[in-house]
Amino acid sequence: MNTISLPVRAALIMAIGGLISGLLSYFIGFDDRYGERFLIDGVPMLPALFFGIVLALGIYYWETGNIAVILGVFLGVAIGWWAAVKTGGDLFLENEVLAGILAGLVGSAVTAATLWLAAKDFRYWHNVAAVLAFGAIAGALIAFQWVALFAIWQGGVAALAGYAVALRPRPRQTAALATVNK
């Protein structure tokens, strides 16, 4: 018998996806052979692609299969990443920690707004507050270790999103679970 609740399982799955996305973002997203090919206004966009895939799959599975919503999640993540890099980049040379906190806050704010629009179950103030707080605090890691920043920020935000959107099971999940438990 499975004793782990659906929201916790979703959070764990999304956290692992976010961790993998964070590692890909660090090791491939800024690599001159790959990352420099996908620039928008000087911002490497592969990290947005990697993290966008994680959030879009989570929204698809636990919230909706609507392709417009999934594409909206990709777009929102890309805008959030671009805005975070631009925000942090302007301050980075003056104060790395402050730059990381502000960039993390901006990225998490756009991501939270995207999730608010995409997922009905995310539309509670505590979900938004958790993503904003975690994103800002994790953003400070930029001053210490970039790989930790990517892995922890993306893994944590994905876990918070997964928990929130899987809190209420969907009819297709309930039917699938009923079939498995027979």
Protein backbone atom coordinates (compact mmCIF):
# COMPACT_ATOMS: atom_id res chain seq x y z
CA MET A 1 0.00 0.00 0.00
CA ASN A 2 1.33 3.41 -0.94
CA THR A 3 1.52 5.70 2.10
CA ILE A 4 2.86 8.80 0.34
CA SER A 5 0.08 11.23 -0.55
CA LEU A 6 -0.43 12.42 -4.11
CA PRO A 7 0.72 16.01 -3.41
CA VAL A 8 3.92 14.76 -1.77
CA ARG A 9 4.59 12.38 -4.67
CA ALA A 10 3.97 15.22 -7.13
CA ALA A 11 6.33 17.48 -5.17
CA LEU A 12 9.04 14.80 -5.18
CA ILE A 13 8.65 14.12 -8.90
CA MET A 14 8.69 17.81 -9.72
CA ALA A 15 11.67 18.41 -7.40
CA ILE A 16 13.67 15.72 -9.19
CA GLY A 17 12.66 17.22 -12.54
CA GLY A 18 13.68 20.67 -11.30
CA LEU A 19 16.99 19.35 -10.01
CA ILE A 20 17.75 17.75 -13.38
CA SER A 21 16.65 20.96 -15.12
CA GLY A 22 18.92 22.98 -12.84
CA LEU A 23 21.91 20.76 -13.59
CA LEU A 24 21.23 20.94 -17.33
CA SER A 25 20.85 24.71 -17.03
CA TYR A 26 24.25 25.01 -15.41
CA PHE A 27 26.22 22.49 -17.43
CA ILE A 28 24.63 23.02 -20.87
CA GLY A 29 22.69 26.28 -20.67
CA PHE A 30 25.81 28.42 -20.43
CA ASP A 31 28.15 26.23 -22.45
CA ASP A 32 29.54 28.20 -25.40
CA ARG A 33 28.81 25.27 -27.73
CA TYR A 34 25.08 25.24 -26.91
CA GLY A 35 23.85 28.10 -24.74
CA GLU A 36 25.25 30.90 -26.84
CA ARG A 37 23.16 29.76 -29.81
CA PHE A 38 19.90 30.50 -28.02
CA LEU A 39 20.20 34.09 -26.86
CA ILE A 40 17.49 36.71 -26.51
CA ASP A 41 18.92 40.15 -25.83
CA GLY A 42 22.10 38.56 -24.48
CA VAL A 43 20.30 36.09 -22.17
CA PRO A 44 20.91 32.37 -22.75
CA MET A 45 17.45 30.82 -22.96
CA LEU A 46 18.21 27.09 -22.58
CA PRO A 47 17.65 27.23 -18.79
CA ALA A 48 14.15 28.57 -19.48
CA LEU A 49 13.54 25.73 -21.92
CA PHE A 50 14.69 23.07 -19.44
CA PHE A 51 12.67 24.48 -16.53
CA GLY A 52 9.70 25.22 -18.79
CA ILE A 53 9.54 21.54 -19.74
CA VAL A 54 9.40 20.51 -16.07
CA LEU A 55 6.63 22.93 -15.13
CA ALA A 56 4.67 22.30 -18.33
CA LEU A 57 4.72 18.53 -17.77
CA GLY A 58 3.56 19.02 -14.19
CA ILE A 59 0.72 21.29 -15.23
CA TYR A 60 -0.19 18.87 -18.03
CA TYR A 61 -0.35 15.85 -15.77
CA TRP A 62 -1.83 17.29 -12.58
CA GLU A 63 -3.87 20.25 -13.82
CA THR A 64 -4.85 20.39 -17.51
CA GLY A 65 -3.95 18.96 -20.88
CA ASN A 66 -4.88 22.19 -22.64
CA ILE A 67 -2.08 22.95 -25.12
CA ALA A 68 -2.63 26.71 -24.90
CA VAL A 69 -2.08 26.58 -21.14
CA ILE A 70 1.05 24.45 -21.57
CA LEU A 71 2.46 26.91 -24.13
CA GLY A 72 1.58 29.74 -21.76
CA VAL A 73 3.64 28.04 -19.04
CA PHE A 74 6.62 27.86 -21.42
CA LEU A 75 6.21 31.51 -22.31
CA GLY A 76 5.84 32.58 -18.67
CA VAL A 77 8.96 30.67 -17.62
CA ALA A 78 10.92 32.21 -20.50
CA ILE A 79 9.78 35.73 -19.54
CA GLY A 80 10.58 35.06 -15.88
CA TRP A 81 14.06 33.76 -16.68
CA TRP A 82 14.83 36.67 -19.01
CA ALA A 83 13.58 39.24 -16.46
CA ALA A 84 15.52 37.59 -13.62
CA VAL A 85 18.78 37.59 -15.57
CA LYS A 86 18.32 41.20 -16.61
CA THR A 87 17.49 42.24 -13.02
CA GLY A 88 20.39 40.38 -11.46
CA GLY A 89 22.84 41.27 -14.20
CA ASP A 90 22.52 44.98 -13.57
CA LEU A 91 23.38 44.63 -9.88
CA PHE A 92 25.72 41.64 -9.90
CA LEU A 93 29.01 43.55 -9.90
CA GLU A 94 27.92 45.80 -7.04
CA ASN A 95 26.36 43.26 -4.66
CA GLU A 96 26.09 39.58 -5.64
CA VAL A 97 23.78 38.57 -2.79
CA LEU A 98 21.34 41.44 -3.38
CA ALA A 99 21.44 40.77 -7.11
CA GLY A 100 20.63 37.10 -6.50
CA ILE A 101 17.81 37.86 -4.10
CA LEU A 102 16.21 40.38 -6.48
CA ALA A 103 16.71 38.13 -9.52
CA GLY A 104 15.27 35.18 -7.60
CA LEU A 105 12.32 37.29 -6.51
CA VAL A 106 11.63 38.56 -10.04
CA GLY A 107 11.95 35.07 -11.56
CA SER A 108 9.74 33.52 -8.91
CA ALA A 109 7.17 36.33 -9.19
CA VAL A 110 6.75 35.79 -12.93
CA THR A 111 6.72 32.02 -12.43
CA ALA A 112 4.11 32.32 -9.67
CA ALA A 113 1.96 34.60 -11.86
CA THR A 114 2.27 32.07 -14.68
CA LEU A 115 1.22 29.22 -12.39
CA TRP A 116 -1.62 31.35 -11.02
CA LEU A 117 -2.97 31.76 -14.55
CA ALA A 118 -2.32 28.14 -15.60
CA ALA A 119 -3.47 26.17 -12.56
CA LYS A 120 -6.63 26.72 -10.55
CA ASP A 121 -5.17 24.81 -7.62
CA PHE A 122 -2.23 27.22 -7.41
CA ARG A 123 -4.52 30.23 -6.85
CA TYR A 124 -4.08 30.51 -3.11
CA TRP A 125 -2.00 33.21 -1.46
CA HIS A 126 0.11 30.71 0.49
CA ASN A 127 1.26 29.02 -2.74
CA VAL A 128 2.33 32.33 -4.25
CA ALA A 129 3.99 33.46 -1.01
CA ALA A 130 5.92 30.19 -0.71
CA VAL A 131 7.25 30.45 -4.27
CA LEU A 132 8.17 34.14 -3.82
CA ALA A 133 9.95 33.56 -0.52
CA PHE A 134 11.77 30.45 -1.67
CA GLY A 135 12.78 32.02 -4.98
CA ALA A 136 14.20 35.13 -3.32
CA ILE A 137 16.11 33.22 -0.64
CA ALA A 138 17.46 30.63 -3.08
CA GLY A 139 18.49 33.46 -5.41
CA ALA A 140 21.10 34.49 -2.84
CA LEU A 141 23.02 31.32 -3.72
CA ILE A 142 24.29 33.12 -6.82
CA ALA A 143 26.99 34.66 -4.61
CA PHE A 144 28.27 31.25 -3.56
CA GLN A 145 27.74 28.59 -6.21
CA TRP A 146 25.90 28.83 -9.53
CA VAL A 147 25.21 25.11 -9.82
CA ALA A 148 23.58 25.16 -6.36
CA LEU A 149 21.54 28.19 -7.37
CA PHE A 150 20.12 26.47 -10.44
CA ALA A 151 19.54 23.06 -8.85
CA ILE A 152 18.03 24.36 -5.61
CA TRP A 153 15.97 27.21 -7.11
CA GLN A 154 14.48 25.11 -9.91
CA GLY A 155 14.04 22.01 -7.75
CA GLY A 156 12.39 23.95 -4.94
CA VAL A 157 10.06 26.02 -7.09
CA ALA A 158 9.05 22.92 -9.06
CA ALA A 159 8.37 21.01 -5.81
CA LEU A 160 6.17 23.83 -4.47
CA ALA A 161 4.27 23.95 -7.77
CA GLY A 162 3.86 20.17 -7.87
CA TYR A 163 2.51 20.02 -4.35
CA ALA A 164 0.03 22.82 -5.01
CA VAL A 165 -1.37 21.54 -8.29
CA ALA A 166 -1.70 17.91 -7.17
CA LEU A 167 -3.54 18.70 -3.96
CA ARG A 168 -6.93 17.96 -5.56
CA PRO A 169 -6.99 14.76 -7.70
CA ARG A 170 -8.48 15.03 -11.18
CA PRO A 171 -11.17 12.64 -12.46
CA ARG A 172 -8.70 10.87 -14.78
CA GLN A 173 -6.27 10.34 -11.88
CA THR A 174 -9.03 9.08 -9.58
CA ALA A 175 -10.18 6.60 -12.23
CA ALA A 176 -6.62 5.43 -12.85
CA LEU A 177 -6.00 4.97 -9.12
CA ALA A 178 -9.26 3.04 -8.72
CA THR A 179 -8.18 0.68 -11.52
CA VAL A 180 -4.75 0.15 -9.93
CA ASN A 181 -6.14 -0.45 -6.45
CA LYS A 182 -8.61 -3.17 -7.54
